Amino acid sequence: MSDDPYIYGKGDIELNAGQARVTLTVRNTGDRAVQIGSHFHFFEVNRALSFDREQAFGTRLDIPAGTAVRFEAGDTKRVTLVEYGGGQRIVGFGGLLNGGIHSRDAHREALRRMRERGYLEEPEPAPSKKPAKKSSGAKKKG
């Protein structure tokens, strides 16, 4: 028996097939590390992270489920985000968006709440949304 708790099938796994992606620069302006999980609505992450929140609206990190990205204090990183699938309705998280990601009213209200609550934002040049590309998952050992 292997020490690896996962059993992998043969071949690559395509993550987030067909989902639009955007790559953004994120800067941690805070004095503490911030860790973001794979399915957190990136638009609503810690208010000390400065990035183009408008482009991040309706997206999450394009990483395998159960993993995370950590931003140490003062770090700047490029991250790739992927649009939510399924019903594309977001409720909870930071309390900024409570509705569908394609609802103009919900979008407008989320932006208002974001600015009112002091979330940092740093617009980037033209959106860099890209069509999906294949991502490979873990492969079976040995």
N, C-alpha and C. Protein backbone atom coordinates (compact mmCIF):
# COMPACT_ATOMS: atom_id res chain seq x y z
N MET A 1 0.84 -1.19 0.00
CA MET A 1 0.00 0.00 0.00
C MET A 1 0.88 1.24 0.00
N SER A 2 0.47 2.23 -0.72
CA SER A 2 1.21 3.49 -0.84
C SER A 2 0.89 4.42 0.32
N ASP A 3 1.84 5.30 0.66
CA ASP A 3 1.60 6.33 1.68
C ASP A 3 0.77 7.48 1.11
N ASP A 4 0.64 7.53 -0.20
CA ASP A 4 -0.12 8.58 -0.87
C ASP A 4 -1.61 8.34 -0.64
N PRO A 5 -2.33 9.30 -0.03
CA PRO A 5 -3.75 9.08 0.27
C PRO A 5 -4.66 9.19 -0.96
N TYR A 6 -4.10 9.54 -2.11
CA TYR A 6 -4.90 9.71 -3.32
C TYR A 6 -4.60 8.61 -4.32
N ILE A 7 -5.60 8.19 -5.04
CA ILE A 7 -5.43 7.22 -6.10
C ILE A 7 -5.73 7.96 -7.40
N TYR A 8 -4.73 8.03 -8.26
CA TYR A 8 -4.86 8.79 -9.50
C TYR A 8 -5.11 7.86 -10.68
N GLY A 9 -5.96 8.29 -11.58
CA GLY A 9 -6.18 7.56 -12.82
C GLY A 9 -5.07 7.88 -13.80
N LYS A 10 -5.09 7.21 -14.92
CA LYS A 10 -4.08 7.46 -15.94
C LYS A 10 -4.43 8.72 -16.71
N GLY A 11 -3.41 9.42 -17.20
CA GLY A 11 -3.62 10.59 -18.04
C GLY A 11 -3.72 11.88 -17.24
N ASP A 12 -3.84 12.97 -17.97
CA ASP A 12 -3.94 14.29 -17.38
C ASP A 12 -5.38 14.62 -17.02
N ILE A 13 -5.54 15.52 -16.09
CA ILE A 13 -6.85 16.01 -15.70
C ILE A 13 -6.96 17.44 -16.19
N GLU A 14 -8.02 17.76 -16.90
CA GLU A 14 -8.22 19.12 -17.38
C GLU A 14 -9.03 19.89 -16.34
N LEU A 15 -8.41 20.92 -15.76
CA LEU A 15 -9.08 21.73 -14.75
C LEU A 15 -9.84 22.87 -15.40
N ASN A 16 -11.05 23.12 -14.93
CA ASN A 16 -11.84 24.28 -15.34
C ASN A 16 -11.99 24.41 -16.86
N ALA A 17 -12.27 23.29 -17.48
CA ALA A 17 -12.41 23.27 -18.94
C ALA A 17 -13.48 24.24 -19.42
N GLY A 18 -13.14 25.02 -20.42
CA GLY A 18 -14.08 25.93 -21.04
C GLY A 18 -14.37 27.21 -20.27
N GLN A 19 -13.74 27.41 -19.13
CA GLN A 19 -13.99 28.62 -18.33
C GLN A 19 -13.04 29.74 -18.74
N ALA A 20 -13.55 30.97 -18.78
CA ALA A 20 -12.72 32.14 -19.09
C ALA A 20 -11.74 32.38 -17.93
N ARG A 21 -10.56 32.86 -18.27
CA ARG A 21 -9.53 33.14 -17.27
C ARG A 21 -9.06 34.58 -17.41
N VAL A 22 -8.54 35.12 -16.30
CA VAL A 22 -7.92 36.43 -16.30
C VAL A 22 -6.69 36.34 -15.39
N THR A 23 -5.60 37.00 -15.77
CA THR A 23 -4.39 37.02 -14.95
C THR A 23 -4.18 38.43 -14.43
N LEU A 24 -4.00 38.54 -13.11
CA LEU A 24 -3.87 39.85 -12.46
C LEU A 24 -2.66 39.89 -11.55
N THR A 25 -2.16 41.10 -11.31
CA THR A 25 -1.10 41.33 -10.34
C THR A 25 -1.76 41.68 -9.01
N VAL A 26 -1.34 41.01 -7.94
CA VAL A 26 -1.91 41.21 -6.61
C VAL A 26 -0.79 41.59 -5.65
N ARG A 27 -1.01 42.65 -4.89
CA ARG A 27 -0.01 43.17 -3.95
C ARG A 27 -0.59 43.15 -2.54
N ASN A 28 0.13 42.52 -1.60
CA ASN A 28 -0.29 42.51 -0.21
C ASN A 28 0.29 43.75 0.47
N THR A 29 -0.57 44.73 0.75
CA THR A 29 -0.13 45.98 1.39
C THR A 29 -0.15 45.88 2.91
N GLY A 30 -0.63 44.75 3.42
CA GLY A 30 -0.75 44.58 4.87
C GLY A 30 0.53 44.15 5.54
N ASP A 31 0.45 44.00 6.86
CA ASP A 31 1.62 43.60 7.64
C ASP A 31 1.55 42.14 8.08
N ARG A 32 0.61 41.39 7.52
CA ARG A 32 0.44 39.97 7.83
C ARG A 32 0.24 39.19 6.52
N ALA A 33 0.58 37.91 6.58
CA ALA A 33 0.36 37.04 5.43
C ALA A 33 -1.14 36.82 5.24
N VAL A 34 -1.54 36.63 3.98
CA VAL A 34 -2.94 36.34 3.63
C VAL A 34 -2.93 35.10 2.76
N GLN A 35 -3.77 34.14 3.11
CA GLN A 35 -3.87 32.91 2.33
C GLN A 35 -5.28 32.80 1.77
N ILE A 36 -5.39 32.55 0.47
CA ILE A 36 -6.68 32.50 -0.22
C ILE A 36 -6.91 31.08 -0.73
N GLY A 37 -8.03 30.49 -0.36
CA GLY A 37 -8.38 29.14 -0.79
C GLY A 37 -8.89 29.10 -2.22
N SER A 38 -8.90 27.92 -2.78
CA SER A 38 -9.21 27.70 -4.19
C SER A 38 -10.58 28.19 -4.64
N HIS A 39 -11.57 28.19 -3.78
CA HIS A 39 -12.93 28.51 -4.23
C HIS A 39 -13.47 29.81 -3.64
N PHE A 40 -12.60 30.63 -3.05
CA PHE A 40 -13.05 31.91 -2.49
C PHE A 40 -13.25 32.91 -3.62
N HIS A 41 -14.34 33.67 -3.56
CA HIS A 41 -14.61 34.71 -4.57
C HIS A 41 -13.50 35.75 -4.47
N PHE A 42 -12.61 35.78 -5.47
CA PHE A 42 -11.40 36.60 -5.37
C PHE A 42 -11.70 38.08 -5.24
N PHE A 43 -12.76 38.55 -5.83
CA PHE A 43 -13.18 39.95 -5.70
C PHE A 43 -13.30 40.36 -4.24
N GLU A 44 -13.68 39.41 -3.36
CA GLU A 44 -13.97 39.70 -1.96
C GLU A 44 -12.85 39.34 -0.98
N VAL A 45 -11.66 39.02 -1.49
CA VAL A 45 -10.58 38.63 -0.58
C VAL A 45 -10.14 39.82 0.28
N ASN A 46 -9.30 39.57 1.22
CA ASN A 46 -8.80 40.54 2.20
C ASN A 46 -8.62 41.94 1.61
N ARG A 47 -9.16 42.94 2.31
CA ARG A 47 -9.14 44.31 1.79
C ARG A 47 -7.75 44.91 1.69
N ALA A 48 -6.73 44.30 2.33
CA ALA A 48 -5.36 44.80 2.21
C ALA A 48 -4.67 44.32 0.94
N LEU A 49 -5.29 43.38 0.23
CA LEU A 49 -4.74 42.97 -1.06
C LEU A 49 -5.20 43.96 -2.12
N SER A 50 -4.24 44.52 -2.85
CA SER A 50 -4.54 45.53 -3.85
C SER A 50 -4.39 44.93 -5.24
N PHE A 51 -5.46 44.99 -6.04
CA PHE A 51 -5.48 44.44 -7.39
C PHE A 51 -6.72 44.97 -8.10
N ASP A 52 -6.87 44.63 -9.34
CA ASP A 52 -8.02 45.07 -10.14
C ASP A 52 -9.24 44.23 -9.78
N ARG A 53 -9.97 44.67 -8.78
CA ARG A 53 -11.13 43.91 -8.29
C ARG A 53 -12.24 43.82 -9.34
N GLU A 54 -12.37 44.83 -10.15
CA GLU A 54 -13.40 44.81 -11.20
C GLU A 54 -13.17 43.61 -12.13
N GLN A 55 -11.92 43.38 -12.53
CA GLN A 55 -11.61 42.24 -13.41
C GLN A 55 -11.75 40.91 -12.67
N ALA A 56 -11.61 40.93 -11.35
CA ALA A 56 -11.70 39.70 -10.56
C ALA A 56 -13.14 39.33 -10.21
N PHE A 57 -14.08 40.19 -10.53
CA PHE A 57 -15.48 39.95 -10.19
C PHE A 57 -15.97 38.64 -10.82
N GLY A 58 -16.53 37.76 -9.99
CA GLY A 58 -17.07 36.49 -10.48
C GLY A 58 -16.04 35.41 -10.73
N THR A 59 -14.83 35.58 -10.15
CA THR A 59 -13.76 34.61 -10.38
C THR A 59 -13.22 34.04 -9.07
N ARG A 60 -12.47 32.96 -9.23
CA ARG A 60 -11.74 32.33 -8.13
C ARG A 60 -10.38 31.92 -8.67
N LEU A 61 -9.48 31.51 -7.78
CA LEU A 61 -8.16 31.08 -8.23
C LEU A 61 -8.26 29.87 -9.14
N ASP A 62 -7.44 29.83 -10.17
CA ASP A 62 -7.40 28.71 -11.11
C ASP A 62 -6.37 27.70 -10.61
N ILE A 63 -6.71 27.06 -9.49
CA ILE A 63 -5.85 26.06 -8.85
C ILE A 63 -6.74 24.88 -8.44
N PRO A 64 -6.14 23.72 -8.18
CA PRO A 64 -6.95 22.57 -7.78
C PRO A 64 -7.72 22.82 -6.48
N ALA A 65 -8.89 22.20 -6.38
CA ALA A 65 -9.72 22.30 -5.18
C ALA A 65 -8.92 21.89 -3.94
N GLY A 66 -9.13 22.61 -2.86
CA GLY A 66 -8.47 22.29 -1.60
C GLY A 66 -7.09 22.89 -1.44
N THR A 67 -6.59 23.59 -2.46
CA THR A 67 -5.28 24.22 -2.36
C THR A 67 -5.47 25.72 -2.16
N ALA A 68 -4.36 26.44 -1.95
CA ALA A 68 -4.44 27.87 -1.66
C ALA A 68 -3.19 28.57 -2.18
N VAL A 69 -3.28 29.89 -2.24
CA VAL A 69 -2.13 30.75 -2.57
C VAL A 69 -1.91 31.67 -1.39
N ARG A 70 -0.67 31.81 -0.97
CA ARG A 70 -0.32 32.63 0.19
C ARG A 70 0.44 33.86 -0.26
N PHE A 71 0.03 35.01 0.26
CA PHE A 71 0.69 36.28 -0.02
C PHE A 71 1.32 36.76 1.28
N GLU A 72 2.64 36.73 1.35
CA GLU A 72 3.32 37.25 2.54
C GLU A 72 3.19 38.76 2.56
N ALA A 73 3.35 39.37 3.71
CA ALA A 73 3.29 40.83 3.83
C ALA A 73 4.28 41.45 2.84
N GLY A 74 3.80 42.39 2.04
CA GLY A 74 4.65 43.07 1.07
C GLY A 74 4.83 42.35 -0.26
N ASP A 75 4.35 41.11 -0.38
CA ASP A 75 4.49 40.33 -1.62
C ASP A 75 3.65 40.90 -2.76
N THR A 76 4.17 40.73 -3.96
CA THR A 76 3.41 40.99 -5.18
C THR A 76 3.51 39.74 -6.03
N LYS A 77 2.37 39.23 -6.50
CA LYS A 77 2.34 38.01 -7.32
C LYS A 77 1.35 38.19 -8.45
N ARG A 78 1.59 37.44 -9.53
CA ARG A 78 0.62 37.32 -10.63
C ARG A 78 -0.17 36.05 -10.35
N VAL A 79 -1.50 36.16 -10.45
CA VAL A 79 -2.36 35.00 -10.25
C VAL A 79 -3.30 34.87 -11.44
N THR A 80 -3.67 33.65 -11.75
CA THR A 80 -4.66 33.40 -12.79
C THR A 80 -5.97 33.02 -12.10
N LEU A 81 -7.02 33.69 -12.52
CA LEU A 81 -8.35 33.47 -11.96
C LEU A 81 -9.23 32.87 -13.03
N VAL A 82 -10.23 32.12 -12.60
CA VAL A 82 -11.16 31.48 -13.53
C VAL A 82 -12.58 31.82 -13.11
N GLU A 83 -13.44 32.02 -14.09
CA GLU A 83 -14.84 32.37 -13.81
C GLU A 83 -15.53 31.19 -13.11
N TYR A 84 -16.40 31.53 -12.15
CA TYR A 84 -17.20 30.50 -11.48
C TYR A 84 -18.05 29.76 -12.49
N GLY A 85 -18.25 28.48 -12.26
CA GLY A 85 -19.13 27.66 -13.08
C GLY A 85 -20.47 27.49 -12.36
N GLY A 86 -21.17 26.46 -12.70
CA GLY A 86 -22.44 26.15 -12.05
C GLY A 86 -23.47 27.25 -12.22
N GLY A 87 -24.22 27.52 -11.16
CA GLY A 87 -25.27 28.53 -11.20
C GLY A 87 -24.76 29.95 -11.18
N GLN A 88 -23.47 30.13 -10.93
CA GLN A 88 -22.80 31.43 -10.93
C GLN A 88 -23.48 32.43 -9.98
N ARG A 89 -23.97 31.91 -8.87
CA ARG A 89 -24.58 32.74 -7.83
C ARG A 89 -23.67 32.69 -6.62
N ILE A 90 -23.28 33.86 -6.11
CA ILE A 90 -22.34 33.94 -5.00
C ILE A 90 -23.01 34.62 -3.82
N VAL A 91 -22.96 33.96 -2.66
CA VAL A 91 -23.55 34.49 -1.44
C VAL A 91 -22.58 34.22 -0.30
N GLY A 92 -22.35 35.22 0.52
CA GLY A 92 -21.47 35.02 1.67
C GLY A 92 -20.10 35.64 1.44
N PHE A 93 -19.06 34.87 1.68
CA PHE A 93 -17.68 35.32 1.55
C PHE A 93 -17.49 36.62 2.34
N GLY A 94 -17.16 37.73 1.68
CA GLY A 94 -16.96 39.00 2.37
C GLY A 94 -18.23 39.84 2.47
N GLY A 95 -19.34 39.30 2.00
CA GLY A 95 -20.61 40.02 2.05
C GLY A 95 -20.74 41.13 1.02
N LEU A 96 -19.89 41.12 0.01
CA LEU A 96 -19.97 42.16 -1.02
C LEU A 96 -20.96 41.80 -2.10
N LEU A 97 -20.95 40.55 -2.53
CA LEU A 97 -21.85 40.11 -3.59
C LEU A 97 -22.82 39.09 -3.02
N ASN A 98 -24.07 39.33 -3.24
CA ASN A 98 -25.11 38.37 -2.86
C ASN A 98 -26.06 38.25 -4.04
N GLY A 99 -25.61 37.50 -5.05
CA GLY A 99 -26.42 37.35 -6.24
C GLY A 99 -25.63 36.74 -7.37
N GLY A 100 -26.20 36.79 -8.56
CA GLY A 100 -25.56 36.22 -9.74
C GLY A 100 -24.43 37.09 -10.25
N ILE A 101 -23.41 36.45 -10.79
CA ILE A 101 -22.25 37.21 -11.26
C ILE A 101 -22.54 37.97 -12.55
N HIS A 102 -23.65 37.68 -13.21
CA HIS A 102 -23.99 38.39 -14.44
C HIS A 102 -25.13 39.41 -14.24
N SER A 103 -25.54 39.61 -12.98
CA SER A 103 -26.59 40.58 -12.68
C SER A 103 -25.97 41.97 -12.56
N ARG A 104 -26.41 42.90 -13.40
CA ARG A 104 -25.88 44.28 -13.35
C ARG A 104 -26.15 44.93 -12.00
N ASP A 105 -27.34 44.71 -11.43
CA ASP A 105 -27.68 45.31 -10.14
C ASP A 105 -26.79 44.76 -9.03
N ALA A 106 -26.59 43.44 -9.02
CA ALA A 106 -25.74 42.82 -8.00
C ALA A 106 -24.29 43.30 -8.15
N HIS A 107 -23.84 43.44 -9.39
CA HIS A 107 -22.48 43.91 -9.66
C HIS A 107 -22.30 45.34 -9.16
N ARG A 108 -23.22 46.20 -9.50
CA ARG A 108 -23.18 47.60 -9.08
C ARG A 108 -23.17 47.71 -7.55
N GLU A 109 -24.03 46.93 -6.89
CA GLU A 109 -24.10 46.97 -5.43
C GLU A 109 -22.82 46.43 -4.80
N ALA A 110 -22.24 45.39 -5.37
CA ALA A 110 -20.99 44.83 -4.84
C ALA A 110 -19.85 45.85 -4.95
N LEU A 111 -19.77 46.57 -6.07
CA LEU A 111 -18.75 47.61 -6.22
C LEU A 111 -18.95 48.73 -5.20
N ARG A 112 -20.19 49.11 -4.98
CA ARG A 112 -20.48 50.15 -4.00
C ARG A 112 -20.04 49.70 -2.61
N ARG A 113 -20.39 48.49 -2.22
CA ARG A 113 -20.01 47.96 -0.91
C ARG A 113 -18.49 47.87 -0.77
N MET A 114 -17.83 47.42 -1.83
CA MET A 114 -16.37 47.28 -1.81
C MET A 114 -15.71 48.62 -1.49
N ARG A 115 -16.12 49.65 -2.19
CA ARG A 115 -15.52 50.97 -2.00
C ARG A 115 -15.90 51.56 -0.64
N GLU A 116 -17.14 51.37 -0.25
CA GLU A 116 -17.61 51.88 1.04
C GLU A 116 -16.86 51.24 2.20
N ARG A 117 -16.49 49.97 2.07
CA ARG A 117 -15.83 49.23 3.15
C ARG A 117 -14.31 49.29 3.08
N GLY A 118 -13.77 50.04 2.14
CA GLY A 118 -12.33 50.28 2.11
C GLY A 118 -11.47 49.18 1.51
N TYR A 119 -12.04 48.36 0.64
CA TYR A 119 -11.24 47.36 -0.05
C TYR A 119 -10.33 48.08 -1.05
N LEU A 120 -9.06 47.70 -1.08
CA LEU A 120 -8.12 48.33 -2.02
C LEU A 120 -8.38 47.81 -3.42
N GLU A 121 -8.17 48.69 -4.39
CA GLU A 121 -8.28 48.29 -5.80
C GLU A 121 -7.21 49.01 -6.59
N GLU A 122 -6.70 48.31 -7.56
CA GLU A 122 -5.61 48.83 -8.39
C GLU A 122 -5.88 48.41 -9.83
N PRO A 123 -6.58 49.24 -10.59
CA PRO A 123 -6.93 48.86 -11.96
C PRO A 123 -5.70 48.54 -12.80
N GLU A 124 -5.85 47.55 -13.67
CA GLU A 124 -4.82 47.15 -14.62
C GLU A 124 -5.25 47.58 -16.01
N PRO A 125 -4.31 47.56 -16.96
CA PRO A 125 -4.68 47.86 -18.35
C PRO A 125 -5.74 46.88 -18.84
N ALA A 126 -6.15 47.04 -20.07
CA ALA A 126 -7.21 46.25 -20.70
C ALA A 126 -7.28 44.82 -20.16
N PRO A 127 -8.50 44.32 -19.97
CA PRO A 127 -8.67 42.95 -19.46
C PRO A 127 -7.90 41.94 -20.29
N SER A 128 -7.35 40.95 -19.59
CA SER A 128 -6.59 39.92 -20.28
C SER A 128 -7.31 38.58 -20.17
N LYS A 129 -8.65 38.59 -20.28
CA LYS A 129 -9.41 37.34 -20.22
C LYS A 129 -9.03 36.48 -21.40
N LYS A 130 -8.79 35.21 -21.12
CA LYS A 130 -8.34 34.27 -22.14
C LYS A 130 -9.26 33.06 -22.15
N PRO A 131 -9.38 32.40 -23.31
CA PRO A 131 -10.15 31.16 -23.32
C PRO A 131 -9.41 30.11 -22.50
N ALA A 132 -10.12 29.09 -22.13
CA ALA A 132 -9.53 28.03 -21.31
C ALA A 132 -8.40 27.35 -22.05
N LYS A 133 -7.43 26.89 -21.29
CA LYS A 133 -6.38 26.05 -21.84
C LYS A 133 -6.25 24.85 -20.93
N LYS A 134 -5.66 23.81 -21.42
CA LYS A 134 -5.54 22.60 -20.61
C LYS A 134 -4.58 22.81 -19.46
N SER A 135 -4.98 22.33 -18.30
CA SER A 135 -4.12 22.29 -17.13
C SER A 135 -3.98 20.83 -16.76
N SER A 136 -2.80 20.42 -16.39
CA SER A 136 -2.68 19.01 -16.04
C SER A 136 -2.67 18.87 -14.54
N GLY A 137 -3.25 17.80 -14.10
CA GLY A 137 -3.30 17.52 -12.67
C GLY A 137 -2.16 16.62 -12.27
N ALA A 138 -2.21 16.15 -11.05
CA ALA A 138 -1.17 15.26 -10.53
C ALA A 138 -1.21 13.94 -11.29
N LYS A 139 -0.08 13.33 -11.38
CA LYS A 139 0.02 12.04 -12.04
C LYS A 139 0.36 10.97 -11.03
N LYS A 140 -0.06 9.78 -11.31
CA LYS A 140 0.17 8.65 -10.42
C LYS A 140 1.67 8.42 -10.26
N LYS A 141 2.10 8.17 -9.02
CA LYS A 141 3.51 7.90 -8.75
C LYS A 141 3.88 6.51 -9.23
N GLY A 142 5.19 6.41 -9.63
CA GLY A 142 5.79 5.13 -9.94
C GLY A 142 5.17 4.43 -11.03
